[in-house]
Amino acid sequence: MVFGEALNHSLSPDVMRIFQFHISLPGCSFPIWRRFRVTEDYRFDRFHQVIQLVMGWKNYHLHEFSIQSRRVGMVLGIDDETTEPEDETTLRLKDFRLKPQDHLEYLYDFGDHWQHLLKLESISGGMLTAPECIAGAGRCPTENSGGIDRYLCLLEARNNPQHPDSAFWANDAEEGFDPITFPIEKVNAELEFFGLWHNKYPASKSTPWPQL
């Protein structure tokens, strides 16, 4: 899906830059991380969607990026301007002049506080028709599981019907949940579909996105 060699310097204007990110969810007793590629033209509302698909979240909650001491995210129309981030639908990855080894953060679900750490590992030039996940480990936690500490407690109850939290898996979580296995083929199929939408509807907002 990716063509071209990695570039150490600036690219000519007719070459699209491809960012390779590493994203992790710290604090878990086993590793949860992904390595993925996306083009520099992605707006932050669409970069959010890529992260949702790469990680395995279901886009139920609010989110926000922290990048270069700036907050980028959803503008909710709150009167107090100091509480609002910069509008993610007006900013793209390329606007921040990112360099390899630069870091940013992505917060999902302000209640459960899933704080993701991202590092830009490399920049290459070429063509990428859709975002692509190239490696990863660990299943994404279930939605509404209360954050990392609570999630780890819930995992202890997963196969123990006598555990006081066993009802969570019966009522609120997906059947047959495996916390270790990362379904990379499924993720890339979803990313390919999203890439088609991204290319077909360049001006549309992406939360949620329509069917093709």
Protein backbone atom coordinates (compact mmCIF):
# COMPACT_ATOMS: atom_id res chain seq x y z
CA MET A 1 0.00 0.00 0.00
CA VAL A 2 2.95 2.31 0.56
CA PHE A 3 5.41 3.34 -2.17
CA GLY A 4 8.59 5.41 -1.94
CA GLU A 5 11.64 5.55 0.26
CA ALA A 6 12.01 7.20 3.62
CA LEU A 7 13.17 10.79 3.37
CA ASN A 8 15.45 12.49 5.83
CA HIS A 9 14.86 16.00 4.51
CA SER A 10 11.98 18.06 3.14
CA LEU A 11 10.01 16.65 0.22
CA SER A 12 9.19 18.20 -3.12
CA PRO A 13 5.69 19.72 -3.30
CA ASP A 14 4.32 16.96 -5.55
CA VAL A 15 5.18 14.15 -3.11
CA MET A 16 2.79 13.29 -0.29
CA ARG A 17 4.44 12.77 3.07
CA ILE A 18 3.50 9.64 5.01
CA PHE A 19 3.75 9.71 8.79
CA GLN A 20 4.46 6.50 10.68
CA PHE A 21 3.20 6.71 14.27
CA HIS A 22 3.56 4.51 17.31
CA ILE A 23 0.62 4.78 19.70
CA SER A 24 0.38 3.16 23.12
CA LEU A 25 -2.02 3.00 26.03
CA PRO A 26 0.22 3.10 29.13
CA GLY A 27 -0.49 1.72 32.57
CA CYS A 28 -1.69 -1.73 31.57
CA SER A 29 -0.04 -4.90 32.91
CA PHE A 30 0.43 -6.11 29.32
CA PRO A 31 1.36 -4.00 26.28
CA ILE A 32 -1.34 -2.29 24.21
CA TRP A 33 0.18 -0.51 21.22
CA ARG A 34 -0.07 -0.02 17.45
CA ARG A 35 2.21 1.12 14.65
CA PHE A 36 0.37 2.76 11.76
CA ARG A 37 0.81 5.02 8.74
CA VAL A 38 -1.28 7.96 7.61
CA THR A 39 -0.75 10.80 5.14
CA GLU A 40 0.03 14.34 6.26
CA ASP A 41 -3.17 15.77 4.75
CA TYR A 42 -5.45 14.21 7.37
CA ARG A 43 -7.42 16.72 9.40
CA PHE A 44 -7.46 16.07 13.12
CA ASP A 45 -11.12 15.02 13.14
CA ARG A 46 -10.19 12.31 10.63
CA PHE A 47 -6.93 11.48 12.41
CA HIS A 48 -9.15 10.88 15.45
CA GLN A 49 -11.17 8.38 13.40
CA VAL A 50 -8.00 6.61 12.30
CA ILE A 51 -6.93 6.25 15.93
CA GLN A 52 -10.37 4.94 16.87
CA LEU A 53 -10.15 2.25 14.19
CA VAL A 54 -6.50 1.41 14.84
CA MET A 55 -7.04 1.01 18.57
CA GLY A 56 -10.48 -0.60 18.39
CA TRP A 57 -12.60 2.03 20.15
CA LYS A 58 -16.22 2.61 19.12
CA ASN A 59 -16.29 6.43 19.05
CA TYR A 60 -18.81 6.77 21.88
CA HIS A 61 -17.15 9.64 23.74
CA LEU A 62 -15.41 13.00 23.50
CA HIS A 63 -11.74 13.29 22.61
CA GLU A 64 -8.92 15.83 22.45
CA PHE A 65 -5.33 16.08 21.21
CA SER A 66 -2.42 17.76 22.97
CA ILE A 67 0.27 18.80 20.51
CA GLN A 68 3.06 21.36 20.85
CA SER A 69 1.42 22.88 23.95
CA ARG A 70 -1.84 23.31 22.03
CA ARG A 71 -5.22 21.63 22.51
CA VAL A 72 -6.98 20.43 19.37
CA GLY A 73 -10.37 18.77 19.46
CA MET A 74 -14.13 19.06 19.29
CA VAL A 75 -15.61 22.55 19.58
CA LEU A 76 -18.80 22.17 21.60
CA GLY A 77 -20.04 25.75 21.61
CA ILE A 78 -19.34 26.39 25.30
CA ASP A 79 -19.51 30.11 26.18
CA ASP A 80 -16.25 30.14 28.11
CA GLU A 81 -13.63 30.34 25.35
CA THR A 82 -10.86 29.18 27.68
CA THR A 83 -12.43 25.72 27.88
CA GLU A 84 -12.58 25.16 24.12
CA PRO A 85 -9.76 23.54 22.14
CA GLU A 86 -8.80 24.64 18.65
CA ASP A 87 -11.21 23.28 16.07
CA GLU A 88 -9.97 19.89 14.85
CA THR A 89 -11.87 20.27 11.55
CA THR A 90 -9.67 23.22 10.55
CA LEU A 91 -6.22 21.76 11.30
CA ARG A 92 -4.22 19.03 9.55
CA LEU A 93 -1.22 16.99 10.63
CA LYS A 94 1.00 18.89 8.20
CA ASP A 95 0.14 22.21 9.88
CA PHE A 96 2.34 21.38 12.86
CA ARG A 97 5.63 20.77 10.99
CA LEU A 98 6.14 17.51 12.84
CA LYS A 99 9.52 15.83 12.84
CA PRO A 100 10.53 12.24 13.62
CA GLN A 101 10.59 11.60 17.39
CA ASP A 102 8.00 14.31 18.06
CA HIS A 103 5.32 13.34 20.59
CA LEU A 104 1.66 14.15 21.02
CA GLU A 105 -1.18 12.89 23.21
CA TYR A 106 -4.70 11.76 22.46
CA LEU A 107 -7.31 11.65 25.20
CA TYR A 108 -10.46 9.61 24.64
CA ASP A 109 -13.44 9.55 27.01
CA PHE A 110 -13.00 12.32 29.56
CA GLY A 111 -14.62 10.15 32.23
CA ASP A 112 -12.60 6.95 31.83
CA HIS A 113 -9.61 9.07 30.75
CA TRP A 114 -7.94 6.84 28.18
CA GLN A 115 -4.70 8.79 27.65
CA HIS A 116 -2.81 7.61 24.56
CA LEU A 117 0.80 8.50 23.81
CA LEU A 118 1.89 8.95 20.19
CA LYS A 119 5.36 9.24 18.73
CA LEU A 120 6.10 10.10 15.11
CA GLU A 121 8.65 7.42 14.23
CA SER A 122 9.44 8.30 10.63
CA ILE A 123 8.41 10.29 7.57
CA SER A 124 8.40 8.76 4.09
CA GLY A 125 7.33 9.95 0.67
CA GLY A 126 5.03 8.25 -1.79
CA MET A 127 1.42 7.12 -2.06
CA LEU A 128 -0.85 5.74 0.65
CA THR A 129 -4.40 5.14 -0.52
CA ALA A 130 -5.68 4.42 3.00
CA PRO A 131 -4.27 4.46 6.53
CA GLU A 132 -2.48 1.23 7.35
CA CYS A 133 -1.72 -0.58 10.61
CA ILE A 134 1.53 -2.51 10.30
CA ALA A 135 1.94 -3.95 13.80
CA GLY A 136 0.40 -4.02 17.24
CA ALA A 137 -0.25 -5.93 20.43
CA GLY A 138 -3.07 -6.22 22.94
CA ARG A 139 -6.77 -5.78 22.45
CA CYS A 140 -8.29 -2.37 23.08
CA PRO A 141 -10.12 -2.22 26.43
CA THR A 142 -13.89 -2.34 26.34
CA GLU A 143 -15.84 0.90 26.30
CA ASN A 144 -17.09 2.24 29.63
CA SER A 145 -14.82 -0.04 31.62
CA GLY A 146 -13.66 2.77 33.90
CA GLY A 147 -10.06 3.40 32.89
CA ILE A 148 -6.96 1.22 33.08
CA ASP A 149 -7.08 0.34 36.79
CA ARG A 150 -10.77 -0.51 36.70
CA TYR A 151 -10.32 -2.42 33.44
CA LEU A 152 -7.60 -4.62 34.98
CA CYS A 153 -9.91 -5.39 37.88
CA LEU A 154 -12.67 -6.32 35.44
CA LEU A 155 -10.34 -8.70 33.62
CA GLU A 156 -9.95 -10.63 36.86
CA ALA A 157 -13.73 -11.13 36.87
CA ARG A 158 -13.98 -12.23 33.25
CA ASN A 159 -13.90 -15.98 33.87
CA ASN A 160 -15.06 -15.97 37.47
CA PRO A 161 -18.86 -15.97 37.85
CA GLN A 162 -18.43 -15.54 41.63
CA HIS A 163 -16.56 -12.26 41.21
CA PRO A 164 -18.65 -9.20 42.16
CA ASP A 165 -17.85 -7.60 38.78
CA SER A 166 -18.71 -10.63 36.66
CA ALA A 167 -22.00 -9.00 35.58
CA PHE A 168 -20.03 -6.48 33.51
CA TRP A 169 -19.06 -9.16 31.02
CA ALA A 170 -22.57 -10.56 30.90
CA ASN A 171 -24.28 -7.24 30.27
CA ASP A 172 -21.89 -4.61 28.96
CA ALA A 173 -18.95 -6.14 27.12
CA GLU A 174 -18.65 -7.99 23.85
CA GLU A 175 -18.99 -11.75 23.89
CA GLY A 176 -15.78 -13.78 23.73
CA PHE A 177 -13.55 -10.79 24.54
CA ASP A 178 -9.84 -11.67 24.34
CA PRO A 179 -7.62 -8.98 25.93
CA ILE A 180 -4.40 -10.20 24.30
CA THR A 181 -5.17 -10.90 20.65
CA PHE A 182 -4.96 -7.95 18.26
CA PRO A 183 -7.12 -8.45 15.12
CA ILE A 184 -4.88 -6.59 12.66
CA GLU A 185 -6.60 -7.96 9.53
CA LYS A 186 -9.98 -6.67 10.71
CA VAL A 187 -8.47 -3.31 11.59
CA ASN A 188 -6.89 -2.89 8.17
CA ALA A 189 -10.13 -3.79 6.43
CA GLU A 190 -11.86 -1.02 8.38
CA LEU A 191 -9.03 1.42 7.62
CA GLU A 192 -9.25 0.64 3.91
CA PHE A 193 -12.98 1.40 3.94
CA PHE A 194 -12.37 4.63 5.82
CA GLY A 195 -9.66 5.58 3.32
CA LEU A 196 -12.17 5.22 0.51
CA TRP A 197 -14.55 7.55 2.34
CA HIS A 198 -11.73 10.01 3.10
CA ASN A 199 -10.83 10.25 -0.58
CA LYS A 200 -14.42 10.42 -1.81
CA TYR A 201 -15.65 13.08 0.64
CA PRO A 202 -12.67 15.38 1.32
CA ALA A 203 -14.75 18.24 2.77
CA SER A 204 -17.08 16.24 5.03
CA LYS A 205 -16.71 15.93 8.77
CA SER A 206 -15.96 12.42 9.84
CA THR A 207 -17.80 11.80 13.09
CA PRO A 208 -19.69 9.75 12.19
CA TRP A 209 -18.98 9.12 8.51
CA PRO A 210 -21.70 8.01 6.05
CA GLN A 211 -21.82 4.77 4.13
CA LEU A 212 -20.33 4.82 0.63
